[in-house]
Amino acid sequence: MKTALQIDLTFDQILSIIRQLPLQQKLKLTKELEKEAIDSKLSRLLEVFKTKDIAIETISEEVDIVRKEIYEKKKR
């Protein structure tokens, strides 16, 4: 049987708890927070660019143009 608890903590209390963690757990926590932030930013970015007006052909054409530009720059 599991019991769910809700605890109200201030930011300073959470920070105090985190400071007590061993280094490896702090690093793991940091990675998890970074991953969450990246996921959130990516989701917002995808929402900004979300459209039904653009076809895959248009995207492919633009990709080809950019690839050609990059290839030409490398040739020089």
Protein backbone atom coordinates (compact mmCIF):
# COMPACT_ATOMS: atom_id res chain seq x y z
CA MET A 1 0.00 0.00 0.00
CA LYS A 2 1.30 3.42 -0.98
CA THR A 3 0.48 6.66 0.74
CA ALA A 4 0.72 9.96 -1.10
CA LEU A 5 1.90 12.91 0.92
CA GLN A 6 1.96 16.56 0.03
CA ILE A 7 4.55 18.71 1.75
CA ASP A 8 4.70 22.48 1.38
CA LEU A 9 8.33 23.56 1.13
CA THR A 10 9.81 26.92 0.33
CA PHE A 11 12.51 27.30 -2.27
CA ASP A 12 15.06 27.91 0.48
CA GLN A 13 14.06 24.68 2.22
CA ILE A 14 14.42 22.72 -1.01
CA LEU A 15 17.79 24.35 -1.64
CA SER A 16 18.91 23.39 1.85
CA ILE A 17 17.92 19.76 1.24
CA ILE A 18 19.72 19.71 -2.12
CA ARG A 19 22.89 21.06 -0.54
CA GLN A 20 22.90 18.04 1.77
CA LEU A 21 22.94 15.59 -1.14
CA PRO A 22 26.15 13.81 -2.15
CA LEU A 23 27.85 15.19 -5.25
CA GLN A 24 26.72 12.34 -7.52
CA GLN A 25 23.08 12.91 -6.64
CA LYS A 26 23.47 16.66 -7.19
CA LEU A 27 24.91 15.95 -10.64
CA LYS A 28 22.04 13.58 -11.42
CA LEU A 29 19.52 16.19 -10.27
CA THR A 30 21.23 18.83 -12.42
CA LYS A 31 20.99 16.60 -15.50
CA GLU A 32 17.31 15.93 -14.87
CA LEU A 33 16.56 19.64 -14.47
CA GLU A 34 18.51 20.45 -17.65
CA LYS A 35 16.62 17.75 -19.54
CA GLU A 36 13.31 19.15 -18.33
CA ALA A 37 14.29 22.69 -19.32
CA ILE A 38 15.41 21.56 -22.76
CA ASP A 39 12.19 19.59 -23.29
CA SER A 40 10.15 22.61 -22.28
CA LYS A 41 12.07 24.98 -24.57
CA LEU A 42 11.85 22.53 -27.47
CA SER A 43 8.10 22.14 -26.99
CA ARG A 44 7.62 25.90 -27.02
CA LEU A 45 9.82 26.23 -30.10
CA LEU A 46 7.88 23.52 -31.94
CA GLU A 47 4.62 25.25 -31.05
CA VAL A 48 5.90 28.53 -32.50
CA PHE A 49 6.79 26.88 -35.79
CA LYS A 50 3.77 24.58 -35.92
CA THR A 51 1.82 25.13 -39.11
CA LYS A 52 -0.27 23.21 -41.57
CA ASP A 53 0.60 25.60 -44.39
CA ILE A 54 4.02 24.14 -45.18
CA ALA A 55 4.50 21.02 -47.26
CA ILE A 56 7.27 18.46 -46.87
CA GLU A 57 8.38 19.33 -50.41
CA THR A 58 8.99 22.93 -49.36
CA ILE A 59 11.00 21.80 -46.36
CA SER A 60 13.04 19.43 -48.54
CA GLU A 61 13.77 22.19 -51.05
CA GLU A 62 15.01 24.48 -48.28
CA VAL A 63 17.17 21.72 -46.83
CA ASP A 64 18.72 21.11 -50.24
CA ILE A 65 19.46 24.82 -50.66
CA VAL A 66 21.18 25.01 -47.27
CA ARG A 67 23.17 21.82 -47.96
CA LYS A 68 24.38 23.25 -51.26
CA GLU A 69 25.43 26.49 -49.55
CA ILE A 70 27.34 24.57 -46.90
CA TYR A 71 28.98 22.37 -49.53
CA GLU A 72 30.05 25.42 -51.54
CA LYS A 73 31.56 27.06 -48.46
CA LYS A 74 33.55 23.92 -47.68
CA LYS A 75 34.87 23.74 -51.25
CA ARG A 76 36.47 27.18 -50.97
